[in-house]
Amino acid sequence: NVVDYSGYPDCRPEFFEAYEQMLR
């Protein structure tokens, strides 16, 4: 979650987009 969260970098949309590309 990126709305109410503690500022973790691995909870951001760009992280998941990059990770999904890595899995491809």
PDBML (XML) file of the C-alpha atoms, coordinates in Angstrom:
<?xml version="1.0" encoding="UTF-8" ?>
<PDBx:datablock datablockName="MODEL"
   xmlns:PDBx="http://pdbml.pdb.org/schema/pdbx-v50.xsd"
   xmlns:xsi="http://www.w3.org/2001/XMLSchema-instance"
   xsi:schemaLocation="http://pdbml.pdb.org/schema/pdbx-v50.xsd pdbx-v50.xsd">
   <PDBx:atom_siteCategory>
      <PDBx:atom_site id="1">
         <PDBx:B_iso_or_equiv>0.00</PDBx:B_iso_or_equiv>
         <PDBx:Cartn_x>0.000</PDBx:Cartn_x>
         <PDBx:Cartn_y>0.000</PDBx:Cartn_y>
         <PDBx:Cartn_z>0.000</PDBx:Cartn_z>
         <PDBx:auth_asym_id>A</PDBx:auth_asym_id>
         <PDBx:auth_atom_id>CA</PDBx:auth_atom_id>
         <PDBx:auth_comp_id>ASN</PDBx:auth_comp_id>
         <PDBx:auth_seq_id>1</PDBx:auth_seq_id>
         <PDBx:group_PDB>ATOM</PDBx:group_PDB>
         <PDBx:label_alt_id xsi:nil="true" />
         <PDBx:label_asym_id>A</PDBx:label_asym_id>
         <PDBx:label_atom_id>CA</PDBx:label_atom_id>
         <PDBx:label_comp_id>ASN</PDBx:label_comp_id>
         <PDBx:label_entity_id>1</PDBx:label_entity_id>
         <PDBx:label_seq_id>1</PDBx:label_seq_id>
         <PDBx:occupancy>1.00</PDBx:occupancy>
         <PDBx:pdbx_PDB_model_num>1</PDBx:pdbx_PDB_model_num>
         <PDBx:type_symbol>C</PDBx:type_symbol>
      </PDBx:atom_site>
      <PDBx:atom_site id="2">
         <PDBx:B_iso_or_equiv>0.00</PDBx:B_iso_or_equiv>
         <PDBx:Cartn_x>1.250</PDBx:Cartn_x>
         <PDBx:Cartn_y>3.493</PDBx:Cartn_y>
         <PDBx:Cartn_z>-0.874</PDBx:Cartn_z>
         <PDBx:auth_asym_id>A</PDBx:auth_asym_id>
         <PDBx:auth_atom_id>CA</PDBx:auth_atom_id>
         <PDBx:auth_comp_id>VAL</PDBx:auth_comp_id>
         <PDBx:auth_seq_id>2</PDBx:auth_seq_id>
         <PDBx:group_PDB>ATOM</PDBx:group_PDB>
         <PDBx:label_alt_id xsi:nil="true" />
         <PDBx:label_asym_id>A</PDBx:label_asym_id>
         <PDBx:label_atom_id>CA</PDBx:label_atom_id>
         <PDBx:label_comp_id>VAL</PDBx:label_comp_id>
         <PDBx:label_entity_id>1</PDBx:label_entity_id>
         <PDBx:label_seq_id>2</PDBx:label_seq_id>
         <PDBx:occupancy>1.00</PDBx:occupancy>
         <PDBx:pdbx_PDB_model_num>1</PDBx:pdbx_PDB_model_num>
         <PDBx:type_symbol>C</PDBx:type_symbol>
      </PDBx:atom_site>
      <PDBx:atom_site id="3">
         <PDBx:B_iso_or_equiv>0.00</PDBx:B_iso_or_equiv>
         <PDBx:Cartn_x>-1.415</PDBx:Cartn_x>
         <PDBx:Cartn_y>5.667</PDBx:Cartn_y>
         <PDBx:Cartn_z>0.753</PDBx:Cartn_z>
         <PDBx:auth_asym_id>A</PDBx:auth_asym_id>
         <PDBx:auth_atom_id>CA</PDBx:auth_atom_id>
         <PDBx:auth_comp_id>VAL</PDBx:auth_comp_id>
         <PDBx:auth_seq_id>3</PDBx:auth_seq_id>
         <PDBx:group_PDB>ATOM</PDBx:group_PDB>
         <PDBx:label_alt_id xsi:nil="true" />
         <PDBx:label_asym_id>A</PDBx:label_asym_id>
         <PDBx:label_atom_id>CA</PDBx:label_atom_id>
         <PDBx:label_comp_id>VAL</PDBx:label_comp_id>
         <PDBx:label_entity_id>1</PDBx:label_entity_id>
         <PDBx:label_seq_id>3</PDBx:label_seq_id>
         <PDBx:occupancy>1.00</PDBx:occupancy>
         <PDBx:pdbx_PDB_model_num>1</PDBx:pdbx_PDB_model_num>
         <PDBx:type_symbol>C</PDBx:type_symbol>
      </PDBx:atom_site>
      <PDBx:atom_site id="4">
         <PDBx:B_iso_or_equiv>0.00</PDBx:B_iso_or_equiv>
         <PDBx:Cartn_x>-1.300</PDBx:Cartn_x>
         <PDBx:Cartn_y>5.004</PDBx:Cartn_y>
         <PDBx:Cartn_z>4.489</PDBx:Cartn_z>
         <PDBx:auth_asym_id>A</PDBx:auth_asym_id>
         <PDBx:auth_atom_id>CA</PDBx:auth_atom_id>
         <PDBx:auth_comp_id>ASP</PDBx:auth_comp_id>
         <PDBx:auth_seq_id>4</PDBx:auth_seq_id>
         <PDBx:group_PDB>ATOM</PDBx:group_PDB>
         <PDBx:label_alt_id xsi:nil="true" />
         <PDBx:label_asym_id>A</PDBx:label_asym_id>
         <PDBx:label_atom_id>CA</PDBx:label_atom_id>
         <PDBx:label_comp_id>ASP</PDBx:label_comp_id>
         <PDBx:label_entity_id>1</PDBx:label_entity_id>
         <PDBx:label_seq_id>4</PDBx:label_seq_id>
         <PDBx:occupancy>1.00</PDBx:occupancy>
         <PDBx:pdbx_PDB_model_num>1</PDBx:pdbx_PDB_model_num>
         <PDBx:type_symbol>C</PDBx:type_symbol>
      </PDBx:atom_site>
      <PDBx:atom_site id="5">
         <PDBx:B_iso_or_equiv>0.00</PDBx:B_iso_or_equiv>
         <PDBx:Cartn_x>2.055</PDBx:Cartn_x>
         <PDBx:Cartn_y>3.280</PDBx:Cartn_y>
         <PDBx:Cartn_z>4.976</PDBx:Cartn_z>
         <PDBx:auth_asym_id>A</PDBx:auth_asym_id>
         <PDBx:auth_atom_id>CA</PDBx:auth_atom_id>
         <PDBx:auth_comp_id>TYR</PDBx:auth_comp_id>
         <PDBx:auth_seq_id>5</PDBx:auth_seq_id>
         <PDBx:group_PDB>ATOM</PDBx:group_PDB>
         <PDBx:label_alt_id xsi:nil="true" />
         <PDBx:label_asym_id>A</PDBx:label_asym_id>
         <PDBx:label_atom_id>CA</PDBx:label_atom_id>
         <PDBx:label_comp_id>TYR</PDBx:label_comp_id>
         <PDBx:label_entity_id>1</PDBx:label_entity_id>
         <PDBx:label_seq_id>5</PDBx:label_seq_id>
         <PDBx:occupancy>1.00</PDBx:occupancy>
         <PDBx:pdbx_PDB_model_num>1</PDBx:pdbx_PDB_model_num>
         <PDBx:type_symbol>C</PDBx:type_symbol>
      </PDBx:atom_site>
      <PDBx:atom_site id="6">
         <PDBx:B_iso_or_equiv>0.00</PDBx:B_iso_or_equiv>
         <PDBx:Cartn_x>5.429</PDBx:Cartn_x>
         <PDBx:Cartn_y>3.714</PDBx:Cartn_y>
         <PDBx:Cartn_z>6.666</PDBx:Cartn_z>
         <PDBx:auth_asym_id>A</PDBx:auth_asym_id>
         <PDBx:auth_atom_id>CA</PDBx:auth_atom_id>
         <PDBx:auth_comp_id>SER</PDBx:auth_comp_id>
         <PDBx:auth_seq_id>6</PDBx:auth_seq_id>
         <PDBx:group_PDB>ATOM</PDBx:group_PDB>
         <PDBx:label_alt_id xsi:nil="true" />
         <PDBx:label_asym_id>A</PDBx:label_asym_id>
         <PDBx:label_atom_id>CA</PDBx:label_atom_id>
         <PDBx:label_comp_id>SER</PDBx:label_comp_id>
         <PDBx:label_entity_id>1</PDBx:label_entity_id>
         <PDBx:label_seq_id>6</PDBx:label_seq_id>
         <PDBx:occupancy>1.00</PDBx:occupancy>
         <PDBx:pdbx_PDB_model_num>1</PDBx:pdbx_PDB_model_num>
         <PDBx:type_symbol>C</PDBx:type_symbol>
      </PDBx:atom_site>
      <PDBx:atom_site id="7">
         <PDBx:B_iso_or_equiv>0.00</PDBx:B_iso_or_equiv>
         <PDBx:Cartn_x>7.461</PDBx:Cartn_x>
         <PDBx:Cartn_y>4.886</PDBx:Cartn_y>
         <PDBx:Cartn_z>3.669</PDBx:Cartn_z>
         <PDBx:auth_asym_id>A</PDBx:auth_asym_id>
         <PDBx:auth_atom_id>CA</PDBx:auth_atom_id>
         <PDBx:auth_comp_id>GLY</PDBx:auth_comp_id>
         <PDBx:auth_seq_id>7</PDBx:auth_seq_id>
         <PDBx:group_PDB>ATOM</PDBx:group_PDB>
         <PDBx:label_alt_id xsi:nil="true" />
         <PDBx:label_asym_id>A</PDBx:label_asym_id>
         <PDBx:label_atom_id>CA</PDBx:label_atom_id>
         <PDBx:label_comp_id>GLY</PDBx:label_comp_id>
         <PDBx:label_entity_id>1</PDBx:label_entity_id>
         <PDBx:label_seq_id>7</PDBx:label_seq_id>
         <PDBx:occupancy>1.00</PDBx:occupancy>
         <PDBx:pdbx_PDB_model_num>1</PDBx:pdbx_PDB_model_num>
         <PDBx:type_symbol>C</PDBx:type_symbol>
      </PDBx:atom_site>
      <PDBx:atom_site id="8">
         <PDBx:B_iso_or_equiv>0.00</PDBx:B_iso_or_equiv>
         <PDBx:Cartn_x>8.946</PDBx:Cartn_x>
         <PDBx:Cartn_y>1.564</PDBx:Cartn_y>
         <PDBx:Cartn_z>2.571</PDBx:Cartn_z>
         <PDBx:auth_asym_id>A</PDBx:auth_asym_id>
         <PDBx:auth_atom_id>CA</PDBx:auth_atom_id>
         <PDBx:auth_comp_id>TYR</PDBx:auth_comp_id>
         <PDBx:auth_seq_id>8</PDBx:auth_seq_id>
         <PDBx:group_PDB>ATOM</PDBx:group_PDB>
         <PDBx:label_alt_id xsi:nil="true" />
         <PDBx:label_asym_id>A</PDBx:label_asym_id>
         <PDBx:label_atom_id>CA</PDBx:label_atom_id>
         <PDBx:label_comp_id>TYR</PDBx:label_comp_id>
         <PDBx:label_entity_id>1</PDBx:label_entity_id>
         <PDBx:label_seq_id>8</PDBx:label_seq_id>
         <PDBx:occupancy>1.00</PDBx:occupancy>
         <PDBx:pdbx_PDB_model_num>1</PDBx:pdbx_PDB_model_num>
         <PDBx:type_symbol>C</PDBx:type_symbol>
      </PDBx:atom_site>
      <PDBx:atom_site id="9">
         <PDBx:B_iso_or_equiv>0.00</PDBx:B_iso_or_equiv>
         <PDBx:Cartn_x>10.490</PDBx:Cartn_x>
         <PDBx:Cartn_y>1.760</PDBx:Cartn_y>
         <PDBx:Cartn_z>-0.934</PDBx:Cartn_z>
         <PDBx:auth_asym_id>A</PDBx:auth_asym_id>
         <PDBx:auth_atom_id>CA</PDBx:auth_atom_id>
         <PDBx:auth_comp_id>PRO</PDBx:auth_comp_id>
         <PDBx:auth_seq_id>9</PDBx:auth_seq_id>
         <PDBx:group_PDB>ATOM</PDBx:group_PDB>
         <PDBx:label_alt_id xsi:nil="true" />
         <PDBx:label_asym_id>A</PDBx:label_asym_id>
         <PDBx:label_atom_id>CA</PDBx:label_atom_id>
         <PDBx:label_comp_id>PRO</PDBx:label_comp_id>
         <PDBx:label_entity_id>1</PDBx:label_entity_id>
         <PDBx:label_seq_id>9</PDBx:label_seq_id>
         <PDBx:occupancy>1.00</PDBx:occupancy>
         <PDBx:pdbx_PDB_model_num>1</PDBx:pdbx_PDB_model_num>
         <PDBx:type_symbol>C</PDBx:type_symbol>
      </PDBx:atom_site>
      <PDBx:atom_site id="10">
         <PDBx:B_iso_or_equiv>0.00</PDBx:B_iso_or_equiv>
         <PDBx:Cartn_x>9.375</PDBx:Cartn_x>
         <PDBx:Cartn_y>-1.783</PDBx:Cartn_y>
         <PDBx:Cartn_z>-1.825</PDBx:Cartn_z>
         <PDBx:auth_asym_id>A</PDBx:auth_asym_id>
         <PDBx:auth_atom_id>CA</PDBx:auth_atom_id>
         <PDBx:auth_comp_id>ASP</PDBx:auth_comp_id>
         <PDBx:auth_seq_id>10</PDBx:auth_seq_id>
         <PDBx:group_PDB>ATOM</PDBx:group_PDB>
         <PDBx:label_alt_id xsi:nil="true" />
         <PDBx:label_asym_id>A</PDBx:label_asym_id>
         <PDBx:label_atom_id>CA</PDBx:label_atom_id>
         <PDBx:label_comp_id>ASP</PDBx:label_comp_id>
         <PDBx:label_entity_id>1</PDBx:label_entity_id>
         <PDBx:label_seq_id>10</PDBx:label_seq_id>
         <PDBx:occupancy>1.00</PDBx:occupancy>
         <PDBx:pdbx_PDB_model_num>1</PDBx:pdbx_PDB_model_num>
         <PDBx:type_symbol>C</PDBx:type_symbol>
      </PDBx:atom_site>
      <PDBx:atom_site id="11">
         <PDBx:B_iso_or_equiv>0.00</PDBx:B_iso_or_equiv>
         <PDBx:Cartn_x>5.699</PDBx:Cartn_x>
         <PDBx:Cartn_y>-0.859</PDBx:Cartn_y>
         <PDBx:Cartn_z>-1.485</PDBx:Cartn_z>
         <PDBx:auth_asym_id>A</PDBx:auth_asym_id>
         <PDBx:auth_atom_id>CA</PDBx:auth_atom_id>
         <PDBx:auth_comp_id>CYS</PDBx:auth_comp_id>
         <PDBx:auth_seq_id>11</PDBx:auth_seq_id>
         <PDBx:group_PDB>ATOM</PDBx:group_PDB>
         <PDBx:label_alt_id xsi:nil="true" />
         <PDBx:label_asym_id>A</PDBx:label_asym_id>
         <PDBx:label_atom_id>CA</PDBx:label_atom_id>
         <PDBx:label_comp_id>CYS</PDBx:label_comp_id>
         <PDBx:label_entity_id>1</PDBx:label_entity_id>
         <PDBx:label_seq_id>11</PDBx:label_seq_id>
         <PDBx:occupancy>1.00</PDBx:occupancy>
         <PDBx:pdbx_PDB_model_num>1</PDBx:pdbx_PDB_model_num>
         <PDBx:type_symbol>C</PDBx:type_symbol>
      </PDBx:atom_site>
      <PDBx:atom_site id="12">
         <PDBx:B_iso_or_equiv>0.00</PDBx:B_iso_or_equiv>
         <PDBx:Cartn_x>5.612</PDBx:Cartn_x>
         <PDBx:Cartn_y>1.576</PDBx:Cartn_y>
         <PDBx:Cartn_z>-4.418</PDBx:Cartn_z>
         <PDBx:auth_asym_id>A</PDBx:auth_asym_id>
         <PDBx:auth_atom_id>CA</PDBx:auth_atom_id>
         <PDBx:auth_comp_id>ARG</PDBx:auth_comp_id>
         <PDBx:auth_seq_id>12</PDBx:auth_seq_id>
         <PDBx:group_PDB>ATOM</PDBx:group_PDB>
         <PDBx:label_alt_id xsi:nil="true" />
         <PDBx:label_asym_id>A</PDBx:label_asym_id>
         <PDBx:label_atom_id>CA</PDBx:label_atom_id>
         <PDBx:label_comp_id>ARG</PDBx:label_comp_id>
         <PDBx:label_entity_id>1</PDBx:label_entity_id>
         <PDBx:label_seq_id>12</PDBx:label_seq_id>
         <PDBx:occupancy>1.00</PDBx:occupancy>
         <PDBx:pdbx_PDB_model_num>1</PDBx:pdbx_PDB_model_num>
         <PDBx:type_symbol>C</PDBx:type_symbol>
      </PDBx:atom_site>
      <PDBx:atom_site id="13">
         <PDBx:B_iso_or_equiv>0.00</PDBx:B_iso_or_equiv>
         <PDBx:Cartn_x>3.983</PDBx:Cartn_x>
         <PDBx:Cartn_y>1.057</PDBx:Cartn_y>
         <PDBx:Cartn_z>-7.841</PDBx:Cartn_z>
         <PDBx:auth_asym_id>A</PDBx:auth_asym_id>
         <PDBx:auth_atom_id>CA</PDBx:auth_atom_id>
         <PDBx:auth_comp_id>PRO</PDBx:auth_comp_id>
         <PDBx:auth_seq_id>13</PDBx:auth_seq_id>
         <PDBx:group_PDB>ATOM</PDBx:group_PDB>
         <PDBx:label_alt_id xsi:nil="true" />
         <PDBx:label_asym_id>A</PDBx:label_asym_id>
         <PDBx:label_atom_id>CA</PDBx:label_atom_id>
         <PDBx:label_comp_id>PRO</PDBx:label_comp_id>
         <PDBx:label_entity_id>1</PDBx:label_entity_id>
         <PDBx:label_seq_id>13</PDBx:label_seq_id>
         <PDBx:occupancy>1.00</PDBx:occupancy>
         <PDBx:pdbx_PDB_model_num>1</PDBx:pdbx_PDB_model_num>
         <PDBx:type_symbol>C</PDBx:type_symbol>
      </PDBx:atom_site>
      <PDBx:atom_site id="14">
         <PDBx:B_iso_or_equiv>0.00</PDBx:B_iso_or_equiv>
         <PDBx:Cartn_x>7.277</PDBx:Cartn_x>
         <PDBx:Cartn_y>1.531</PDBx:Cartn_y>
         <PDBx:Cartn_z>-9.691</PDBx:Cartn_z>
         <PDBx:auth_asym_id>A</PDBx:auth_asym_id>
         <PDBx:auth_atom_id>CA</PDBx:auth_atom_id>
         <PDBx:auth_comp_id>GLU</PDBx:auth_comp_id>
         <PDBx:auth_seq_id>14</PDBx:auth_seq_id>
         <PDBx:group_PDB>ATOM</PDBx:group_PDB>
         <PDBx:label_alt_id xsi:nil="true" />
         <PDBx:label_asym_id>A</PDBx:label_asym_id>
         <PDBx:label_atom_id>CA</PDBx:label_atom_id>
         <PDBx:label_comp_id>GLU</PDBx:label_comp_id>
         <PDBx:label_entity_id>1</PDBx:label_entity_id>
         <PDBx:label_seq_id>14</PDBx:label_seq_id>
         <PDBx:occupancy>1.00</PDBx:occupancy>
         <PDBx:pdbx_PDB_model_num>1</PDBx:pdbx_PDB_model_num>
         <PDBx:type_symbol>C</PDBx:type_symbol>
      </PDBx:atom_site>
      <PDBx:atom_site id="15">
         <PDBx:B_iso_or_equiv>0.00</PDBx:B_iso_or_equiv>
         <PDBx:Cartn_x>8.845</PDBx:Cartn_x>
         <PDBx:Cartn_y>-1.274</PDBx:Cartn_y>
         <PDBx:Cartn_z>-7.674</PDBx:Cartn_z>
         <PDBx:auth_asym_id>A</PDBx:auth_asym_id>
         <PDBx:auth_atom_id>CA</PDBx:auth_atom_id>
         <PDBx:auth_comp_id>PHE</PDBx:auth_comp_id>
         <PDBx:auth_seq_id>15</PDBx:auth_seq_id>
         <PDBx:group_PDB>ATOM</PDBx:group_PDB>
         <PDBx:label_alt_id xsi:nil="true" />
         <PDBx:label_asym_id>A</PDBx:label_asym_id>
         <PDBx:label_atom_id>CA</PDBx:label_atom_id>
         <PDBx:label_comp_id>PHE</PDBx:label_comp_id>
         <PDBx:label_entity_id>1</PDBx:label_entity_id>
         <PDBx:label_seq_id>15</PDBx:label_seq_id>
         <PDBx:occupancy>1.00</PDBx:occupancy>
         <PDBx:pdbx_PDB_model_num>1</PDBx:pdbx_PDB_model_num>
         <PDBx:type_symbol>C</PDBx:type_symbol>
      </PDBx:atom_site>
      <PDBx:atom_site id="16">
         <PDBx:B_iso_or_equiv>0.00</PDBx:B_iso_or_equiv>
         <PDBx:Cartn_x>6.116</PDBx:Cartn_x>
         <PDBx:Cartn_y>-3.733</PDBx:Cartn_y>
         <PDBx:Cartn_z>-8.647</PDBx:Cartn_z>
         <PDBx:auth_asym_id>A</PDBx:auth_asym_id>
         <PDBx:auth_atom_id>CA</PDBx:auth_atom_id>
         <PDBx:auth_comp_id>PHE</PDBx:auth_comp_id>
         <PDBx:auth_seq_id>16</PDBx:auth_seq_id>
         <PDBx:group_PDB>ATOM</PDBx:group_PDB>
         <PDBx:label_alt_id xsi:nil="true" />
         <PDBx:label_asym_id>A</PDBx:label_asym_id>
         <PDBx:label_atom_id>CA</PDBx:label_atom_id>
         <PDBx:label_comp_id>PHE</PDBx:label_comp_id>
         <PDBx:label_entity_id>1</PDBx:label_entity_id>
         <PDBx:label_seq_id>16</PDBx:label_seq_id>
         <PDBx:occupancy>1.00</PDBx:occupancy>
         <PDBx:pdbx_PDB_model_num>1</PDBx:pdbx_PDB_model_num>
         <PDBx:type_symbol>C</PDBx:type_symbol>
      </PDBx:atom_site>
      <PDBx:atom_site id="17">
         <PDBx:B_iso_or_equiv>0.00</PDBx:B_iso_or_equiv>
         <PDBx:Cartn_x>6.201</PDBx:Cartn_x>
         <PDBx:Cartn_y>-2.647</PDBx:Cartn_y>
         <PDBx:Cartn_z>-12.296</PDBx:Cartn_z>
         <PDBx:auth_asym_id>A</PDBx:auth_asym_id>
         <PDBx:auth_atom_id>CA</PDBx:auth_atom_id>
         <PDBx:auth_comp_id>GLU</PDBx:auth_comp_id>
         <PDBx:auth_seq_id>17</PDBx:auth_seq_id>
         <PDBx:group_PDB>ATOM</PDBx:group_PDB>
         <PDBx:label_alt_id xsi:nil="true" />
         <PDBx:label_asym_id>A</PDBx:label_asym_id>
         <PDBx:label_atom_id>CA</PDBx:label_atom_id>
         <PDBx:label_comp_id>GLU</PDBx:label_comp_id>
         <PDBx:label_entity_id>1</PDBx:label_entity_id>
         <PDBx:label_seq_id>17</PDBx:label_seq_id>
         <PDBx:occupancy>1.00</PDBx:occupancy>
         <PDBx:pdbx_PDB_model_num>1</PDBx:pdbx_PDB_model_num>
         <PDBx:type_symbol>C</PDBx:type_symbol>
      </PDBx:atom_site>
      <PDBx:atom_site id="18">
         <PDBx:B_iso_or_equiv>0.00</PDBx:B_iso_or_equiv>
         <PDBx:Cartn_x>9.961</PDBx:Cartn_x>
         <PDBx:Cartn_y>-3.243</PDBx:Cartn_y>
         <PDBx:Cartn_z>-12.403</PDBx:Cartn_z>
         <PDBx:auth_asym_id>A</PDBx:auth_asym_id>
         <PDBx:auth_atom_id>CA</PDBx:auth_atom_id>
         <PDBx:auth_comp_id>ALA</PDBx:auth_comp_id>
         <PDBx:auth_seq_id>18</PDBx:auth_seq_id>
         <PDBx:group_PDB>ATOM</PDBx:group_PDB>
         <PDBx:label_alt_id xsi:nil="true" />
         <PDBx:label_asym_id>A</PDBx:label_asym_id>
         <PDBx:label_atom_id>CA</PDBx:label_atom_id>
         <PDBx:label_comp_id>ALA</PDBx:label_comp_id>
         <PDBx:label_entity_id>1</PDBx:label_entity_id>
         <PDBx:label_seq_id>18</PDBx:label_seq_id>
         <PDBx:occupancy>1.00</PDBx:occupancy>
         <PDBx:pdbx_PDB_model_num>1</PDBx:pdbx_PDB_model_num>
         <PDBx:type_symbol>C</PDBx:type_symbol>
      </PDBx:atom_site>
      <PDBx:atom_site id="19">
         <PDBx:B_iso_or_equiv>0.00</PDBx:B_iso_or_equiv>
         <PDBx:Cartn_x>9.681</PDBx:Cartn_x>
         <PDBx:Cartn_y>-6.553</PDBx:Cartn_y>
         <PDBx:Cartn_z>-10.569</PDBx:Cartn_z>
         <PDBx:auth_asym_id>A</PDBx:auth_asym_id>
         <PDBx:auth_atom_id>CA</PDBx:auth_atom_id>
         <PDBx:auth_comp_id>TYR</PDBx:auth_comp_id>
         <PDBx:auth_seq_id>19</PDBx:auth_seq_id>
         <PDBx:group_PDB>ATOM</PDBx:group_PDB>
         <PDBx:label_alt_id xsi:nil="true" />
         <PDBx:label_asym_id>A</PDBx:label_asym_id>
         <PDBx:label_atom_id>CA</PDBx:label_atom_id>
         <PDBx:label_comp_id>TYR</PDBx:label_comp_id>
         <PDBx:label_entity_id>1</PDBx:label_entity_id>
         <PDBx:label_seq_id>19</PDBx:label_seq_id>
         <PDBx:occupancy>1.00</PDBx:occupancy>
         <PDBx:pdbx_PDB_model_num>1</PDBx:pdbx_PDB_model_num>
         <PDBx:type_symbol>C</PDBx:type_symbol>
      </PDBx:atom_site>
      <PDBx:atom_site id="20">
         <PDBx:B_iso_or_equiv>0.00</PDBx:B_iso_or_equiv>
         <PDBx:Cartn_x>6.976</PDBx:Cartn_x>
         <PDBx:Cartn_y>-7.823</PDBx:Cartn_y>
         <PDBx:Cartn_z>-12.899</PDBx:Cartn_z>
         <PDBx:auth_asym_id>A</PDBx:auth_asym_id>
         <PDBx:auth_atom_id>CA</PDBx:auth_atom_id>
         <PDBx:auth_comp_id>GLU</PDBx:auth_comp_id>
         <PDBx:auth_seq_id>20</PDBx:auth_seq_id>
         <PDBx:group_PDB>ATOM</PDBx:group_PDB>
         <PDBx:label_alt_id xsi:nil="true" />
         <PDBx:label_asym_id>A</PDBx:label_asym_id>
         <PDBx:label_atom_id>CA</PDBx:label_atom_id>
         <PDBx:label_comp_id>GLU</PDBx:label_comp_id>
         <PDBx:label_entity_id>1</PDBx:label_entity_id>
         <PDBx:label_seq_id>20</PDBx:label_seq_id>
         <PDBx:occupancy>1.00</PDBx:occupancy>
         <PDBx:pdbx_PDB_model_num>1</PDBx:pdbx_PDB_model_num>
         <PDBx:type_symbol>C</PDBx:type_symbol>
      </PDBx:atom_site>
      <PDBx:atom_site id="21">
         <PDBx:B_iso_or_equiv>0.00</PDBx:B_iso_or_equiv>
         <PDBx:Cartn_x>9.199</PDBx:Cartn_x>
         <PDBx:Cartn_y>-6.951</PDBx:Cartn_y>
         <PDBx:Cartn_z>-15.869</PDBx:Cartn_z>
         <PDBx:auth_asym_id>A</PDBx:auth_asym_id>
         <PDBx:auth_atom_id>CA</PDBx:auth_atom_id>
         <PDBx:auth_comp_id>GLN</PDBx:auth_comp_id>
         <PDBx:auth_seq_id>21</PDBx:auth_seq_id>
         <PDBx:group_PDB>ATOM</PDBx:group_PDB>
         <PDBx:label_alt_id xsi:nil="true" />
         <PDBx:label_asym_id>A</PDBx:label_asym_id>
         <PDBx:label_atom_id>CA</PDBx:label_atom_id>
         <PDBx:label_comp_id>GLN</PDBx:label_comp_id>
         <PDBx:label_entity_id>1</PDBx:label_entity_id>
         <PDBx:label_seq_id>21</PDBx:label_seq_id>
         <PDBx:occupancy>1.00</PDBx:occupancy>
         <PDBx:pdbx_PDB_model_num>1</PDBx:pdbx_PDB_model_num>
         <PDBx:type_symbol>C</PDBx:type_symbol>
      </PDBx:atom_site>
      <PDBx:atom_site id="22">
         <PDBx:B_iso_or_equiv>0.00</PDBx:B_iso_or_equiv>
         <PDBx:Cartn_x>12.060</PDBx:Cartn_x>
         <PDBx:Cartn_y>-8.856</PDBx:Cartn_y>
         <PDBx:Cartn_z>-14.239</PDBx:Cartn_z>
         <PDBx:auth_asym_id>A</PDBx:auth_asym_id>
         <PDBx:auth_atom_id>CA</PDBx:auth_atom_id>
         <PDBx:auth_comp_id>MET</PDBx:auth_comp_id>
         <PDBx:auth_seq_id>22</PDBx:auth_seq_id>
         <PDBx:group_PDB>ATOM</PDBx:group_PDB>
         <PDBx:label_alt_id xsi:nil="true" />
         <PDBx:label_asym_id>A</PDBx:label_asym_id>
         <PDBx:label_atom_id>CA</PDBx:label_atom_id>
         <PDBx:label_comp_id>MET</PDBx:label_comp_id>
         <PDBx:label_entity_id>1</PDBx:label_entity_id>
         <PDBx:label_seq_id>22</PDBx:label_seq_id>
         <PDBx:occupancy>1.00</PDBx:occupancy>
         <PDBx:pdbx_PDB_model_num>1</PDBx:pdbx_PDB_model_num>
         <PDBx:type_symbol>C</PDBx:type_symbol>
      </PDBx:atom_site>
      <PDBx:atom_site id="23">
         <PDBx:B_iso_or_equiv>0.00</PDBx:B_iso_or_equiv>
         <PDBx:Cartn_x>9.804</PDBx:Cartn_x>
         <PDBx:Cartn_y>-11.912</PDBx:Cartn_y>
         <PDBx:Cartn_z>-13.930</PDBx:Cartn_z>
         <PDBx:auth_asym_id>A</PDBx:auth_asym_id>
         <PDBx:auth_atom_id>CA</PDBx:auth_atom_id>
         <PDBx:auth_comp_id>LEU</PDBx:auth_comp_id>
         <PDBx:auth_seq_id>23</PDBx:auth_seq_id>
         <PDBx:group_PDB>ATOM</PDBx:group_PDB>
         <PDBx:label_alt_id xsi:nil="true" />
         <PDBx:label_asym_id>A</PDBx:label_asym_id>
         <PDBx:label_atom_id>CA</PDBx:label_atom_id>
         <PDBx:label_comp_id>LEU</PDBx:label_comp_id>
         <PDBx:label_entity_id>1</PDBx:label_entity_id>
         <PDBx:label_seq_id>23</PDBx:label_seq_id>
         <PDBx:occupancy>1.00</PDBx:occupancy>
         <PDBx:pdbx_PDB_model_num>1</PDBx:pdbx_PDB_model_num>
         <PDBx:type_symbol>C</PDBx:type_symbol>
      </PDBx:atom_site>
      <PDBx:atom_site id="24">
         <PDBx:B_iso_or_equiv>0.00</PDBx:B_iso_or_equiv>
         <PDBx:Cartn_x>8.989</PDBx:Cartn_x>
         <PDBx:Cartn_y>-11.668</PDBx:Cartn_y>
         <PDBx:Cartn_z>-17.638</PDBx:Cartn_z>
         <PDBx:auth_asym_id>A</PDBx:auth_asym_id>
         <PDBx:auth_atom_id>CA</PDBx:auth_atom_id>
         <PDBx:auth_comp_id>ARG</PDBx:auth_comp_id>
         <PDBx:auth_seq_id>24</PDBx:auth_seq_id>
         <PDBx:group_PDB>ATOM</PDBx:group_PDB>
         <PDBx:label_alt_id xsi:nil="true" />
         <PDBx:label_asym_id>A</PDBx:label_asym_id>
         <PDBx:label_atom_id>CA</PDBx:label_atom_id>
         <PDBx:label_comp_id>ARG</PDBx:label_comp_id>
         <PDBx:label_entity_id>1</PDBx:label_entity_id>
         <PDBx:label_seq_id>24</PDBx:label_seq_id>
         <PDBx:occupancy>1.00</PDBx:occupancy>
         <PDBx:pdbx_PDB_model_num>1</PDBx:pdbx_PDB_model_num>
         <PDBx:type_symbol>C</PDBx:type_symbol>
      </PDBx:atom_site>
   </PDBx:atom_siteCategory>
</PDBx:datablock>
